[in-house]
PDB file of all heavy atoms in Angstrom:
ATOM      1  N   ARG A   1       0.709   1.244 -11.604  1.00  0.00           N
ATOM      2  CA  ARG A   1      -0.756   1.271 -11.556  1.00  0.00           C
ATOM      3  C   ARG A   1      -1.312  -0.034 -10.987  1.00  0.00           C
ATOM      4  O   ARG A   1      -2.262  -0.020 -10.198  1.00  0.00           O
ATOM      5  CB  ARG A   1      -1.311   1.545 -12.958  1.00  0.00           C
ATOM      6  CG  ARG A   1      -2.798   1.837 -12.940  1.00  0.00           C
ATOM      7  CD  ARG A   1      -3.291   2.213 -14.309  1.00  0.00           C
ATOM      8  NE  ARG A   1      -3.119   1.049 -15.170  1.00  0.00           N
ATOM      9  CZ  ARG A   1      -3.302   1.052 -16.474  1.00  0.00           C
ATOM     10  NH1 ARG A   1      -3.631   2.141 -17.092  1.00  0.00           N
ATOM     11  NH2 ARG A   1      -3.139  -0.044 -17.181  1.00  0.00           N
ATOM     12  N   SER A   2      -0.715  -1.165 -11.357  1.00  0.00           N
ATOM     13  CA  SER A   2      -1.164  -2.460 -10.830  1.00  0.00           C
ATOM     14  C   SER A   2      -0.939  -2.546  -9.321  1.00  0.00           C
ATOM     15  O   SER A   2      -1.787  -3.046  -8.579  1.00  0.00           O
ATOM     16  CB  SER A   2      -0.423  -3.611 -11.513  1.00  0.00           C
ATOM     17  OG  SER A   2      -0.721  -3.649 -12.878  1.00  0.00           O
ATOM     18  N   ILE A   3       0.196  -2.042  -8.881  1.00  0.00           N
ATOM     19  CA  ILE A   3       0.511  -2.055  -7.446  1.00  0.00           C
ATOM     20  C   ILE A   3      -0.489  -1.170  -6.695  1.00  0.00           C
ATOM     21  O   ILE A   3      -1.018  -1.561  -5.652  1.00  0.00           O
ATOM     22  CB  ILE A   3       1.954  -1.563  -7.200  1.00  0.00           C
ATOM     23  CG1 ILE A   3       2.949  -2.415  -7.974  1.00  0.00           C
ATOM     24  CG2 ILE A   3       2.281  -1.581  -5.716  1.00  0.00           C
ATOM     25  CD1 ILE A   3       4.326  -1.807  -8.089  1.00  0.00           C
ATOM     26  N   THR A   4      -0.747   0.019  -7.241  1.00  0.00           N
ATOM     27  CA  THR A   4      -1.702   0.943  -6.620  1.00  0.00           C
ATOM     28  C   THR A   4      -3.095   0.330  -6.564  1.00  0.00           C
ATOM     29  O   THR A   4      -3.799   0.451  -5.550  1.00  0.00           O
ATOM     30  CB  THR A   4      -1.729   2.280  -7.388  1.00  0.00           C
ATOM     31  OG1 THR A   4      -0.400   2.784  -7.463  1.00  0.00           O
ATOM     32  CG2 THR A   4      -2.615   3.293  -6.702  1.00  0.00           C
ATOM     33  N   ASN A   5      -3.511  -0.337  -7.633  1.00  0.00           N
ATOM     34  CA  ASN A   5      -4.825  -0.998  -7.642  1.00  0.00           C
ATOM     35  C   ASN A   5      -4.888  -2.113  -6.607  1.00  0.00           C
ATOM     36  O   ASN A   5      -5.903  -2.281  -5.927  1.00  0.00           O
ATOM     37  CB  ASN A   5      -5.144  -1.546  -9.034  1.00  0.00           C
ATOM     38  CG  ASN A   5      -5.493  -0.469 -10.020  1.00  0.00           C
ATOM     39  OD1 ASN A   5      -5.908   0.633  -9.646  1.00  0.00           O
ATOM     40  ND2 ASN A   5      -5.304  -0.750 -11.294  1.00  0.00           N
ATOM     41  N   TRP A   6      -3.794  -2.870  -6.467  1.00  0.00           N
ATOM     42  CA  TRP A   6      -3.760  -3.926  -5.459  1.00  0.00           C
ATOM     43  C   TRP A   6      -3.914  -3.328  -4.065  1.00  0.00           C
ATOM     44  O   TRP A   6      -4.651  -3.852  -3.238  1.00  0.00           O
ATOM     45  CB  TRP A   6      -2.447  -4.715  -5.577  1.00  0.00           C
ATOM     46  CG  TRP A   6      -2.380  -5.862  -4.616  1.00  0.00           C
ATOM     47  CD1 TRP A   6      -2.833  -7.126  -4.822  1.00  0.00           C
ATOM     48  CD2 TRP A   6      -1.849  -5.831  -3.278  1.00  0.00           C
ATOM     49  NE1 TRP A   6      -2.608  -7.891  -3.690  1.00  0.00           N
ATOM     50  CE2 TRP A   6      -2.008  -7.123  -2.735  1.00  0.00           C
ATOM     51  CE3 TRP A   6      -1.261  -4.847  -2.503  1.00  0.00           C
ATOM     52  CZ2 TRP A   6      -1.596  -7.450  -1.455  1.00  0.00           C
ATOM     53  CZ3 TRP A   6      -0.850  -5.180  -1.221  1.00  0.00           C
ATOM     54  CH2 TRP A   6      -1.021  -6.467  -0.710  1.00  0.00           C
ATOM     55  N   CYS A   7      -3.214  -2.212  -3.834  1.00  0.00           N
ATOM     56  CA  CYS A   7      -3.303  -1.542  -2.533  1.00  0.00           C
ATOM     57  C   CYS A   7      -4.727  -1.058  -2.268  1.00  0.00           C
ATOM     58  O   CYS A   7      -5.260  -1.244  -1.167  1.00  0.00           O
ATOM     59  CB  CYS A   7      -2.325  -0.367  -2.461  1.00  0.00           C
ATOM     60  SG  CYS A   7      -0.608  -0.856  -2.351  1.00  0.00           S
ATOM     61  N   ARG A   8      -5.337  -0.446  -3.260  1.00  0.00           N
ATOM     62  CA  ARG A   8      -6.708   0.067  -3.104  1.00  0.00           C
ATOM     63  C   ARG A   8      -7.666  -1.090  -2.805  1.00  0.00           C
ATOM     64  O   ARG A   8      -8.507  -0.999  -1.907  1.00  0.00           O
ATOM     65  CB  ARG A   8      -7.124   0.793  -4.385  1.00  0.00           C
ATOM     66  CG  ARG A   8      -8.458   1.513  -4.249  1.00  0.00           C
ATOM     67  CD  ARG A   8      -8.849   2.293  -5.502  1.00  0.00           C
ATOM     68  NE  ARG A   8      -7.786   3.215  -5.922  1.00  0.00           N
ATOM     69  CZ  ARG A   8      -7.149   3.142  -7.103  1.00  0.00           C
ATOM     70  NH1 ARG A   8      -7.451   2.207  -7.976  1.00  0.00           N
ATOM     71  NH2 ARG A   8      -6.209   4.012  -7.404  1.00  0.00           N
ATOM     72  N   LYS A   9      -7.531  -2.189  -3.543  1.00  0.00           N
ATOM     73  CA  LYS A   9      -8.399  -3.357  -3.354  1.00  0.00           C
ATOM     74  C   LYS A   9      -8.263  -3.936  -1.947  1.00  0.00           C
ATOM     75  O   LYS A   9      -9.247  -4.387  -1.351  1.00  0.00           O
ATOM     76  CB  LYS A   9      -8.033  -4.419  -4.392  1.00  0.00           C
ATOM     77  CG  LYS A   9      -8.776  -5.712  -4.259  1.00  0.00           C
ATOM     78  CD  LYS A   9      -8.266  -6.721  -5.282  1.00  0.00           C
ATOM     79  CE  LYS A   9      -8.672  -8.107  -4.857  1.00  0.00           C
ATOM     80  NZ  LYS A   9      -7.862  -9.135  -5.461  1.00  0.00           N
ATOM     81  N   ASN A  10      -7.058  -3.889  -1.395  1.00  0.00           N
ATOM     82  CA  ASN A  10      -6.804  -4.472  -0.078  1.00  0.00           C
ATOM     83  C   ASN A  10      -6.764  -3.434   1.047  1.00  0.00           C
ATOM     84  O   ASN A  10      -6.300  -3.732   2.146  1.00  0.00           O
ATOM     85  CB  ASN A  10      -5.503  -5.276  -0.119  1.00  0.00           C
ATOM     86  CG  ASN A  10      -5.651  -6.484  -1.000  1.00  0.00           C
ATOM     87  OD1 ASN A  10      -6.391  -7.401  -0.663  1.00  0.00           O
ATOM     88  ND2 ASN A  10      -4.991  -6.492  -2.145  1.00  0.00           N
ATOM     89  N   LYS A  11      -7.244  -2.243   0.747  1.00  0.00           N
ATOM     90  CA  LYS A  11      -7.381  -1.165   1.734  1.00  0.00           C
ATOM     91  C   LYS A  11      -6.058  -0.804   2.395  1.00  0.00           C
ATOM     92  O   LYS A  11      -5.976  -0.587   3.601  1.00  0.00           O
ATOM     93  CB  LYS A  11      -8.433  -1.517   2.773  1.00  0.00           C
ATOM     94  CG  LYS A  11      -9.807  -1.702   2.173  1.00  0.00           C
ATOM     95  CD  LYS A  11     -10.846  -2.054   3.187  1.00  0.00           C
ATOM     96  CE  LYS A  11     -12.169  -2.193   2.484  1.00  0.00           C
ATOM     97  NZ  LYS A  11     -12.918  -3.342   2.863  1.00  0.00           N
ATOM     98  N   ILE A  12      -5.011  -0.732   1.584  1.00  0.00           N
ATOM     99  CA  ILE A  12      -3.689  -0.335   2.056  1.00  0.00           C
ATOM    100  C   ILE A  12      -3.414   1.059   1.508  1.00  0.00           C
ATOM    101  O   ILE A  12      -3.413   1.252   0.288  1.00  0.00           O
ATOM    102  CB  ILE A  12      -2.611  -1.336   1.599  1.00  0.00           C
ATOM    103  CG1 ILE A  12      -2.908  -2.697   2.239  1.00  0.00           C
ATOM    104  CG2 ILE A  12      -1.223  -0.834   1.947  1.00  0.00           C
ATOM    105  CD1 ILE A  12      -2.062  -3.827   1.749  1.00  0.00           C
ATOM    106  N   PRO A  13      -3.234   2.049   2.375  1.00  0.00           N
ATOM    107  CA  PRO A  13      -3.055   3.424   1.898  1.00  0.00           C
ATOM    108  C   PRO A  13      -1.728   3.618   1.170  1.00  0.00           C
ATOM    109  O   PRO A  13      -0.695   3.084   1.571  1.00  0.00           O
ATOM    110  CB  PRO A  13      -3.090   4.261   3.183  1.00  0.00           C
ATOM    111  CG  PRO A  13      -2.740   3.302   4.271  1.00  0.00           C
ATOM    112  CD  PRO A  13      -3.184   1.948   3.835  1.00  0.00           C
ATOM    113  N   VAL A  14      -1.797   4.368   0.076  1.00  0.00           N
ATOM    114  CA  VAL A  14      -0.610   4.749  -0.687  1.00  0.00           C
ATOM    115  C   VAL A  14      -0.349   6.222  -0.391  1.00  0.00           C
ATOM    116  O   VAL A  14      -1.244   7.058  -0.517  1.00  0.00           O
ATOM    117  CB  VAL A  14      -0.817   4.521  -2.195  1.00  0.00           C
ATOM    118  CG1 VAL A  14       0.382   5.017  -2.987  1.00  0.00           C
ATOM    119  CG2 VAL A  14      -1.070   3.047  -2.479  1.00  0.00           C
ATOM    120  N   ILE A  15       0.879   6.530   0.002  1.00  0.00           N
ATOM    121  CA  ILE A  15       1.235   7.892   0.397  1.00  0.00           C
ATOM    122  C   ILE A  15       2.136   8.500  -0.672  1.00  0.00           C
ATOM    123  O   ILE A  15       3.172   7.929  -1.017  1.00  0.00           O
ATOM    124  CB  ILE A  15       1.969   7.874   1.755  1.00  0.00           C
ATOM    125  CG1 ILE A  15       1.069   7.248   2.820  1.00  0.00           C
ATOM    126  CG2 ILE A  15       2.420   9.268   2.152  1.00  0.00           C
ATOM    127  CD1 ILE A  15       1.800   6.788   4.050  1.00  0.00           C
ATOM    128  N   ASP A  16       1.712   9.652  -1.217  1.00  0.00           N
ATOM    129  CA  ASP A  16       2.545  10.389  -2.162  1.00  0.00           C
ATOM    130  C   ASP A  16       3.450  11.324  -1.376  1.00  0.00           C
ATOM    131  O   ASP A  16       2.984  12.111  -0.563  1.00  0.00           O
ATOM    132  CB  ASP A  16       1.680  11.227  -3.109  1.00  0.00           C
ATOM    133  CG  ASP A  16       0.858  10.368  -4.055  1.00  0.00           C
ATOM    134  OD1 ASP A  16       1.350   9.302  -4.446  1.00  0.00           O
ATOM    135  OD2 ASP A  16      -0.269  10.768  -4.407  1.00  0.00           O
ATOM    136  N   ALA A  17       4.741  11.237  -1.623  1.00  0.00           N
ATOM    137  CA  ALA A  17       5.702  12.124  -0.965  1.00  0.00           C
ATOM    138  C   ALA A  17       6.747  12.514  -2.006  1.00  0.00           C
ATOM    139  O   ALA A  17       7.592  11.697  -2.371  1.00  0.00           O
ATOM    140  CB  ALA A  17       6.354  11.445   0.230  1.00  0.00           C
ATOM    141  N   GLY A  18       6.635  13.736  -2.476  1.00  0.00           N
ATOM    142  CA  GLY A  18       7.541  14.179  -3.529  1.00  0.00           C
ATOM    143  C   GLY A  18       7.254  13.416  -4.802  1.00  0.00           C
ATOM    144  O   GLY A  18       6.118  13.285  -5.229  1.00  0.00           O
ATOM    145  N   LYS A  19       8.292  12.863  -5.394  1.00  0.00           N
ATOM    146  CA  LYS A  19       8.129  12.104  -6.627  1.00  0.00           C
ATOM    147  C   LYS A  19       7.868  10.621  -6.380  1.00  0.00           C
ATOM    148  O   LYS A  19       7.572   9.881  -7.306  1.00  0.00           O
ATOM    149  CB  LYS A  19       9.386  12.247  -7.492  1.00  0.00           C
ATOM    150  CG  LYS A  19       9.584  13.638  -8.039  1.00  0.00           C
ATOM    151  CD  LYS A  19      10.799  13.677  -8.935  1.00  0.00           C
ATOM    152  CE  LYS A  19      10.982  15.070  -9.509  1.00  0.00           C
ATOM    153  NZ  LYS A  19      12.146  15.119 -10.407  1.00  0.00           N
ATOM    154  N   ALA A  20       7.998  10.193  -5.152  1.00  0.00           N
ATOM    155  CA  ALA A  20       7.854   8.767  -4.824  1.00  0.00           C
ATOM    156  C   ALA A  20       6.516   8.489  -4.141  1.00  0.00           C
ATOM    157  O   ALA A  20       5.875   9.380  -3.591  1.00  0.00           O
ATOM    158  CB  ALA A  20       8.993   8.335  -3.921  1.00  0.00           C
ATOM    159  N   LYS A  21       6.113   7.234  -4.193  1.00  0.00           N
ATOM    160  CA  LYS A  21       4.920   6.763  -3.498  1.00  0.00           C
ATOM    161  C   LYS A  21       5.344   5.665  -2.532  1.00  0.00           C
ATOM    162  O   LYS A  21       6.227   4.860  -2.829  1.00  0.00           O
ATOM    163  CB  LYS A  21       3.898   6.224  -4.488  1.00  0.00           C
ATOM    164  CG  LYS A  21       3.311   7.301  -5.375  1.00  0.00           C
ATOM    165  CD  LYS A  21       2.248   6.739  -6.271  1.00  0.00           C
ATOM    166  CE  LYS A  21       1.686   7.856  -7.136  1.00  0.00           C
ATOM    167  NZ  LYS A  21       0.575   7.396  -7.946  1.00  0.00           N
ATOM    168  N   TYR A  22       4.690   5.655  -1.377  1.00  0.00           N
ATOM    169  CA  TYR A  22       5.058   4.734  -0.313  1.00  0.00           C
ATOM    170  C   TYR A  22       3.825   4.048   0.264  1.00  0.00           C
ATOM    171  O   TYR A  22       2.703   4.523   0.123  1.00  0.00           O
ATOM    172  CB  TYR A  22       5.748   5.482   0.836  1.00  0.00           C
ATOM    173  CG  TYR A  22       7.015   6.186   0.427  1.00  0.00           C
ATOM    174  CD1 TYR A  22       6.996   7.516   0.017  1.00  0.00           C
ATOM    175  CD2 TYR A  22       8.242   5.530   0.465  1.00  0.00           C
ATOM    176  CE1 TYR A  22       8.158   8.171  -0.355  1.00  0.00           C
ATOM    177  CE2 TYR A  22       9.407   6.171   0.099  1.00  0.00           C
ATOM    178  CZ  TYR A  22       9.358   7.493  -0.309  1.00  0.00           C
ATOM    179  OH  TYR A  22      10.515   8.132  -0.675  1.00  0.00           O
ATOM    180  N   VAL A  23       4.080   2.933   0.948  1.00  0.00           N
ATOM    181  CA  VAL A  23       3.065   2.273   1.769  1.00  0.00           C
ATOM    182  C   VAL A  23       3.693   2.026   3.143  1.00  0.00           C
ATOM    183  O   VAL A  23       4.914   1.966   3.275  1.00  0.00           O
ATOM    184  CB  VAL A  23       2.584   0.936   1.158  1.00  0.00           C
ATOM    185  CG1 VAL A  23       1.815   1.164  -0.111  1.00  0.00           C
ATOM    186  CG2 VAL A  23       3.726  -0.025   0.926  1.00  0.00           C
ATOM    187  N   ILE A  24       2.845   1.890   4.134  1.00  0.00           N
ATOM    188  CA  ILE A  24       3.313   1.567   5.483  1.00  0.00           C
ATOM    189  C   ILE A  24       3.482   0.044   5.542  1.00  0.00           C
ATOM    190  O   ILE A  24       2.526  -0.697   5.306  1.00  0.00           O
ATOM    191  CB  ILE A  24       2.308   2.047   6.555  1.00  0.00           C
ATOM    192  CG1 ILE A  24       1.970   3.518   6.392  1.00  0.00           C
ATOM    193  CG2 ILE A  24       2.820   1.737   7.952  1.00  0.00           C
ATOM    194  CD1 ILE A  24       3.114   4.464   6.599  1.00  0.00           C
ATOM    195  N   SER A  25       4.679  -0.404   5.858  1.00  0.00           N
ATOM    196  CA  SER A  25       4.952  -1.845   5.819  1.00  0.00           C
ATOM    197  C   SER A  25       4.115  -2.630   6.835  1.00  0.00           C
ATOM    198  O   SER A  25       3.837  -3.806   6.620  1.00  0.00           O
ATOM    199  CB  SER A  25       6.438  -2.123   6.008  1.00  0.00           C
ATOM    200  OG  SER A  25       6.902  -1.596   7.211  1.00  0.00           O
ATOM    201  N   THR A  26       3.679  -1.993   7.896  1.00  0.00           N
ATOM    202  CA  THR A  26       2.828  -2.674   8.878  1.00  0.00           C
ATOM    203  C   THR A  26       1.517  -3.128   8.237  1.00  0.00           C
ATOM    204  O   THR A  26       1.027  -4.219   8.527  1.00  0.00           O
ATOM    205  CB  THR A  26       2.535  -1.749  10.079  1.00  0.00           C
ATOM    206  OG1 THR A  26       3.774  -1.333  10.640  1.00  0.00           O
ATOM    207  CG2 THR A  26       1.706  -2.452  11.127  1.00  0.00           C
ATOM    208  N   PHE A  27       0.962  -2.301   7.342  1.00  0.00           N
ATOM    209  CA  PHE A  27      -0.266  -2.689   6.640  1.00  0.00           C
ATOM    210  C   PHE A  27      -0.017  -3.931   5.780  1.00  0.00           C
ATOM    211  O   PHE A  27      -0.876  -4.817   5.696  1.00  0.00           O
ATOM    212  CB  PHE A  27      -0.786  -1.554   5.755  1.00  0.00           C
ATOM    213  CG  PHE A  27      -1.486  -0.471   6.514  1.00  0.00           C
ATOM    214  CD1 PHE A  27      -0.827   0.701   6.837  1.00  0.00           C
ATOM    215  CD2 PHE A  27      -2.805  -0.614   6.903  1.00  0.00           C
ATOM    216  CE1 PHE A  27      -1.467   1.707   7.529  1.00  0.00           C
ATOM    217  CE2 PHE A  27      -3.452   0.391   7.604  1.00  0.00           C
ATOM    218  CZ  PHE A  27      -2.793   1.551   7.926  1.00  0.00           C
ATOM    219  N   ILE A  28       1.150  -3.993   5.153  1.00  0.00           N
ATOM    220  CA  ILE A  28       1.486  -5.154   4.322  1.00  0.00           C
ATOM    221  C   ILE A  28       1.634  -6.389   5.206  1.00  0.00           C
ATOM    222  O   ILE A  28       1.100  -7.458   4.891  1.00  0.00           O
ATOM    223  CB  ILE A  28       2.799  -4.901   3.530  1.00  0.00           C
ATOM    224  CG1 ILE A  28       2.714  -3.617   2.703  1.00  0.00           C
ATOM    225  CG2 ILE A  28       3.164  -6.100   2.674  1.00  0.00           C
ATOM    226  CD1 ILE A  28       1.604  -3.566   1.701  1.00  0.00           C
ATOM    227  N   ASP A  29       2.324  -6.252   6.336  1.00  0.00           N
ATOM    228  CA  ASP A  29       2.487  -7.367   7.277  1.00  0.00           C
ATOM    229  C   ASP A  29       1.125  -7.865   7.769  1.00  0.00           C
ATOM    230  O   ASP A  29       0.883  -9.074   7.838  1.00  0.00           O
ATOM    231  CB  ASP A  29       3.336  -6.956   8.475  1.00  0.00           C
ATOM    232  CG  ASP A  29       4.771  -6.642   8.111  1.00  0.00           C
ATOM    233  OD1 ASP A  29       5.228  -7.069   7.029  1.00  0.00           O
ATOM    234  OD2 ASP A  29       5.441  -5.950   8.905  1.00  0.00           O
ATOM    235  N   LEU A  30       0.243  -6.936   8.118  1.00  0.00           N
ATOM    236  CA  LEU A  30      -1.088  -7.317   8.602  1.00  0.00           C
ATOM    237  C   LEU A  30      -1.895  -8.022   7.521  1.00  0.00           C
ATOM    238  O   LEU A  30      -2.635  -8.966   7.805  1.00  0.00           O
ATOM    239  CB  LEU A  30      -1.842  -6.096   9.115  1.00  0.00           C
ATOM    240  CG  LEU A  30      -1.299  -5.492  10.406  1.00  0.00           C
ATOM    241  CD1 LEU A  30      -2.007  -4.171  10.718  1.00  0.00           C
ATOM    242  CD2 LEU A  30      -1.445  -6.461  11.557  1.00  0.00           C
ATOM    243  N   TYR A  31      -1.745  -7.572   6.277  1.00  0.00           N
ATOM    244  CA  TYR A  31      -2.446  -8.223   5.167  1.00  0.00           C
ATOM    245  C   TYR A  31      -2.005  -9.685   5.059  1.00  0.00           C
ATOM    246  O   TYR A  31      -2.835 -10.585   5.007  1.00  0.00           O
ATOM    247  CB  TYR A  31      -2.186  -7.491   3.840  1.00  0.00           C
ATOM    248  CG  TYR A  31      -2.667  -8.286   2.661  1.00  0.00           C
ATOM    249  CD1 TYR A  31      -4.014  -8.304   2.310  1.00  0.00           C
ATOM    250  CD2 TYR A  31      -1.789  -9.075   1.919  1.00  0.00           C
ATOM    251  CE1 TYR A  31      -4.461  -9.075   1.251  1.00  0.00           C
ATOM    252  CE2 TYR A  31      -2.233  -9.841   0.868  1.00  0.00           C
ATOM    253  CZ  TYR A  31      -3.565  -9.840   0.530  1.00  0.00           C
ATOM    254  OH  TYR A  31      -4.007 -10.604  -0.512  1.00  0.00           O
ATOM    255  N   PHE A  32      -0.685  -9.921   5.029  1.00  0.00           N
ATOM    256  CA  PHE A  32      -0.187 -11.291   4.886  1.00  0.00           C
ATOM    257  C   PHE A  32      -0.552 -12.142   6.099  1.00  0.00           C
ATOM    258  O   PHE A  32      -0.903 -13.312   5.959  1.00  0.00           O
ATOM    259  CB  PHE A  32       1.317 -11.307   4.631  1.00  0.00           C
ATOM    260  CG  PHE A  32       1.669 -10.932   3.220  1.00  0.00           C
ATOM    261  CD1 PHE A  32       2.336  -9.756   2.949  1.00  0.00           C
ATOM    262  CD2 PHE A  32       1.317 -11.756   2.160  1.00  0.00           C
ATOM    263  CE1 PHE A  32       2.643  -9.407   1.641  1.00  0.00           C
ATOM    264  CE2 PHE A  32       1.624 -11.417   0.852  1.00  0.00           C
ATOM    265  CZ  PHE A  32       2.297 -10.238   0.589  1.00  0.00           C
ATOM    266  N   GLU A  33      -0.486 -11.558   7.280  1.00  0.00           N
ATOM    267  CA  GLU A  33      -0.872 -12.281   8.490  1.00  0.00           C
ATOM    268  C   GLU A  33      -2.335 -12.706   8.411  1.00  0.00           C
ATOM    269  O   GLU A  33      -2.691 -13.841   8.737  1.00  0.00           O
ATOM    270  CB  GLU A  33      -0.645 -11.398   9.712  1.00  0.00           C
ATOM    271  CG  GLU A  33      -1.025 -12.054  11.013  1.00  0.00           C
ATOM    272  CD  GLU A  33      -0.853 -11.117  12.191  1.00  0.00           C
ATOM    273  OE1 GLU A  33       0.090 -10.311  12.187  1.00  0.00           O
ATOM    274  OE2 GLU A  33      -1.687 -11.199  13.114  1.00  0.00           O
ATOM    275  N   SER A  34      -3.186 -11.806   7.963  1.00  0.00           N
ATOM    276  CA  SER A  34      -4.609 -12.094   7.811  1.00  0.00           C
ATOM    277  C   SER A  34      -4.843 -13.226   6.809  1.00  0.00           C
ATOM    278  O   SER A  34      -5.664 -14.119   7.046  1.00  0.00           O
ATOM    279  CB  SER A  34      -5.343 -10.830   7.363  1.00  0.00           C
ATOM    280  OG  SER A  34      -6.647 -11.116   6.983  1.00  0.00           O
TER     281      SER A  34
END
């Protein structure tokens, strides 16, 4: 839940696929670069 909230706060989409949740690593890279 904390990870999901962090993603929502930083406008990083969380993708539900089956039982797992994923993020696109490019969004994470862009966040840190910014």
